[in-house]
Amino acid sequence: MTHDDLVEAYSAPGRHYHDLRHVQDCLGWLDRVADLSVRDREILTLAIWWHDVVYDPTRPDNEEQSALLAERHVVAGLRDEVGRLIRLTRTHNVAPDDRLGALLVSIDLAILGADEASYDAYADAIRREYAHVPDEAYRAGRAAVLERFANRPVIYPDADFAAALDRQARANLARELRAHALLR
């Protein structure tokens, strides 16, 4: 797959959040991270580009399929680590000593800590991606996801992201739960 193929995948119809803008936003967050080696920055850049390349909201294995695809196309010295990082975006659970994992997961979740207008646009885009799901089922599923993040002691495994975004993320999650009567 070429860079153009990646851009095309992220530009496919039906992608309202998991699109090229999401990749660009993630790359912007990566640009703000200091003290990374050239190799670590390359690994994270590749993981960002590949982490949602396969995205079908009717399937539960998008991260695995994205990781497998990356492992077929990324150069040999980086592919295993890129695949491992992509797989972390399924659960967003990271080992305490996994700096690259903490960074990728924090970057992927940065939208949760956005200003209210950006967060609301994100939430609306997610709903459009799941337009095939009836309202009641969507509310229940969305509530489960939001509550899972809200109940974590730490949303962002990277300390700098946590310091910058955790408070706003928790406020956004609570607001969305309240606004859509998603509290159970």
Protein backbone atom coordinates (compact mmCIF):
# COMPACT_ATOMS: atom_id res chain seq x y z
CA MET A 1 0.00 0.00 0.00
CA THR A 2 1.26 3.42 -0.89
CA HIS A 3 0.69 6.68 0.95
CA ASP A 4 -2.03 7.44 -1.61
CA ASP A 5 -3.72 4.14 -0.77
CA LEU A 6 -3.74 5.09 2.92
CA VAL A 7 -5.23 8.49 2.12
CA GLU A 8 -7.86 6.81 -0.04
CA ALA A 9 -8.76 4.35 2.75
CA TYR A 10 -9.20 7.18 5.25
CA SER A 11 -11.26 9.14 2.71
CA ALA A 12 -13.78 6.34 2.09
CA PRO A 13 -17.50 7.10 2.33
CA GLY A 14 -18.97 6.48 5.76
CA ARG A 15 -15.90 7.67 7.63
CA HIS A 16 -17.06 10.63 9.62
CA TYR A 17 -14.57 10.51 12.48
CA HIS A 18 -12.08 7.74 11.69
CA ASP A 19 -10.95 9.66 8.63
CA LEU A 20 -7.98 11.58 7.31
CA ARG A 21 -8.69 14.48 9.67
CA HIS A 22 -8.32 12.09 12.64
CA VAL A 23 -4.93 10.96 11.31
CA GLN A 24 -3.85 14.58 10.82
CA ASP A 25 -5.01 15.50 14.33
CA CYS A 26 -3.08 12.55 15.77
CA LEU A 27 0.03 13.54 13.85
CA GLY A 28 -0.37 17.07 15.22
CA TRP A 29 -0.42 15.70 18.76
CA LEU A 30 2.67 13.63 17.99
CA ASP A 31 4.46 16.76 16.79
CA ARG A 32 4.01 18.23 20.29
CA VAL A 33 5.79 15.32 21.97
CA ALA A 34 9.40 16.14 22.77
CA ASP A 35 12.29 13.83 23.59
CA LEU A 36 11.56 11.04 21.13
CA SER A 37 14.26 9.29 19.17
CA VAL A 38 14.04 9.40 15.39
CA ARG A 39 13.14 5.69 15.39
CA ASP A 40 10.41 6.06 18.04
CA ARG A 41 8.90 9.03 16.17
CA GLU A 42 8.92 6.98 12.96
CA ILE A 43 7.24 4.04 14.70
CA LEU A 44 4.54 6.28 16.18
CA THR A 45 3.99 8.05 12.87
CA LEU A 46 3.50 4.72 11.12
CA ALA A 47 1.22 3.44 13.89
CA ILE A 48 -0.92 6.57 13.58
CA TRP A 49 -1.19 6.21 9.82
CA TRP A 50 -2.11 2.52 10.02
CA HIS A 51 -4.16 2.30 13.25
CA ASP A 52 -7.57 2.87 11.65
CA VAL A 53 -6.79 2.04 8.03
CA VAL A 54 -9.36 -0.77 8.26
CA TYR A 55 -12.53 0.66 9.72
CA ASP A 56 -15.91 -0.98 9.41
CA PRO A 57 -18.24 -0.13 12.31
CA THR A 58 -20.11 -3.41 11.81
CA ARG A 59 -16.99 -5.47 12.65
CA PRO A 60 -15.21 -6.05 15.98
CA ASP A 61 -11.75 -6.69 14.52
CA ASN A 62 -10.75 -3.42 12.86
CA GLU A 63 -7.62 -2.96 14.97
CA GLU A 64 -6.45 -6.50 14.30
CA GLN A 65 -7.07 -6.15 10.58
CA SER A 66 -5.28 -2.78 10.54
CA ALA A 67 -2.33 -4.28 12.43
CA LEU A 68 -2.10 -7.24 10.04
CA LEU A 69 -2.20 -4.93 7.04
CA ALA A 70 0.52 -2.72 8.55
CA GLU A 71 2.67 -5.75 9.28
CA ARG A 72 2.49 -6.69 5.60
CA HIS A 73 3.53 -3.23 4.39
CA VAL A 74 5.77 -1.59 7.00
CA VAL A 75 9.52 -2.24 6.72
CA ALA A 76 10.82 -5.29 8.58
CA GLY A 77 12.64 -3.50 11.39
CA LEU A 78 9.52 -1.59 12.46
CA ARG A 79 6.54 -3.75 11.53
CA ASP A 80 6.26 -5.81 14.72
CA GLU A 81 6.29 -2.75 16.97
CA VAL A 82 3.84 -0.88 14.73
CA GLY A 83 1.48 -3.87 14.77
CA ARG A 84 1.76 -4.19 18.55
CA LEU A 85 0.94 -0.52 19.04
CA ILE A 86 -2.06 -0.65 16.72
CA ARG A 87 -3.46 -3.59 18.68
CA LEU A 88 -3.35 -1.46 21.85
CA THR A 89 -5.95 0.88 20.35
CA ARG A 90 -8.57 -1.85 20.68
CA THR A 91 -8.68 -1.75 24.48
CA HIS A 92 -6.53 1.32 25.17
CA ASN A 93 -4.88 -0.66 27.99
CA VAL A 94 -1.14 -0.07 28.28
CA ALA A 95 1.51 -1.58 30.55
CA PRO A 96 3.00 1.00 32.96
CA ASP A 97 6.45 0.87 31.38
CA ASP A 98 5.28 1.09 27.74
CA ARG A 99 6.07 4.69 26.73
CA LEU A 100 5.26 4.29 23.03
CA GLY A 101 2.02 2.51 23.86
CA ALA A 102 1.11 5.24 26.36
CA LEU A 103 1.78 7.89 23.75
CA LEU A 104 -0.19 6.23 20.96
CA VAL A 105 -3.19 5.50 23.17
CA SER A 106 -3.12 9.02 24.62
CA ILE A 107 -2.88 10.54 21.15
CA ASP A 108 -5.75 8.37 19.90
CA LEU A 109 -7.90 9.46 22.85
CA ALA A 110 -6.91 13.14 22.76
CA ILE A 111 -10.30 14.05 21.25
CA LEU A 112 -11.97 13.14 24.54
CA GLY A 113 -10.20 16.10 26.14
CA ALA A 114 -11.02 18.58 23.37
CA ASP A 115 -13.00 21.78 23.83
CA GLU A 116 -16.77 21.24 23.98
CA ALA A 117 -17.48 22.17 20.36
CA SER A 118 -14.80 19.82 19.00
CA TYR A 119 -15.90 17.04 21.33
CA ASP A 120 -19.54 17.47 20.27
CA ALA A 121 -18.52 17.32 16.59
CA TYR A 122 -16.60 14.11 17.36
CA ALA A 123 -19.60 12.57 19.17
CA ASP A 124 -21.88 13.48 16.25
CA ALA A 125 -19.40 11.98 13.77
CA ILE A 126 -19.25 8.73 15.75
CA ARG A 127 -23.05 8.55 15.70
CA ARG A 128 -23.01 8.99 11.92
CA GLU A 129 -20.49 6.14 11.62
CA TYR A 130 -22.92 3.98 13.57
CA ALA A 131 -26.04 5.14 11.71
CA HIS A 132 -26.90 1.49 11.06
CA VAL A 133 -27.46 0.95 14.82
CA PRO A 134 -30.93 1.77 16.16
CA ASP A 135 -31.05 4.66 18.66
CA GLU A 136 -31.73 2.60 21.78
CA ALA A 137 -28.97 0.11 21.04
CA TYR A 138 -26.57 2.92 20.16
CA ARG A 139 -27.29 4.77 23.40
CA ALA A 140 -26.65 1.62 25.43
CA GLY A 141 -23.44 0.81 23.57
CA ARG A 142 -22.18 4.37 23.64
CA ALA A 143 -22.93 4.64 27.36
CA ALA A 144 -20.90 1.50 28.01
CA VAL A 145 -17.92 2.93 26.12
CA LEU A 146 -18.14 6.34 27.78
CA GLU A 147 -18.55 4.84 31.25
CA ARG A 148 -15.57 2.55 30.67
CA PHE A 149 -13.38 5.59 30.03
CA ALA A 150 -14.96 7.70 32.77
CA ASN A 151 -14.43 4.96 35.35
CA ARG A 152 -10.73 4.56 34.62
CA PRO A 153 -8.41 6.00 37.24
CA VAL A 154 -6.38 7.36 34.31
CA ILE A 155 -7.82 8.01 30.85
CA TYR A 156 -4.47 9.01 29.35
CA PRO A 157 -1.61 6.64 30.17
CA ASP A 158 0.97 9.29 29.22
CA ALA A 159 1.45 11.66 32.16
CA ASP A 160 1.75 14.81 30.02
CA PHE A 161 -1.47 14.03 28.17
CA ALA A 162 -3.19 13.21 31.47
CA ALA A 163 -2.13 16.53 32.98
CA ALA A 164 -3.30 18.47 29.95
CA LEU A 165 -6.51 16.65 29.01
CA ASP A 166 -7.93 14.48 31.79
CA ARG A 167 -10.12 17.09 33.49
CA GLN A 168 -11.74 18.22 30.22
CA ALA A 169 -12.14 14.62 29.05
CA ARG A 170 -14.02 13.69 32.20
CA ALA A 171 -16.23 16.76 31.85
CA ASN A 172 -16.97 15.90 28.21
CA LEU A 173 -17.77 12.28 29.00
CA ALA A 174 -20.12 13.26 31.83
CA ARG A 175 -21.78 15.92 29.66
CA GLU A 176 -22.40 13.49 26.81
CA LEU A 177 -23.79 10.90 29.19
CA ARG A 178 -26.15 13.49 30.69
CA ALA A 179 -27.14 15.12 27.39
CA HIS A 180 -28.25 11.90 25.80
CA ALA A 181 -29.65 10.39 28.98
CA LEU A 182 -27.02 7.71 28.68
CA LEU A 183 -26.53 7.37 32.43
CA ARG A 184 -27.80 4.01 33.52
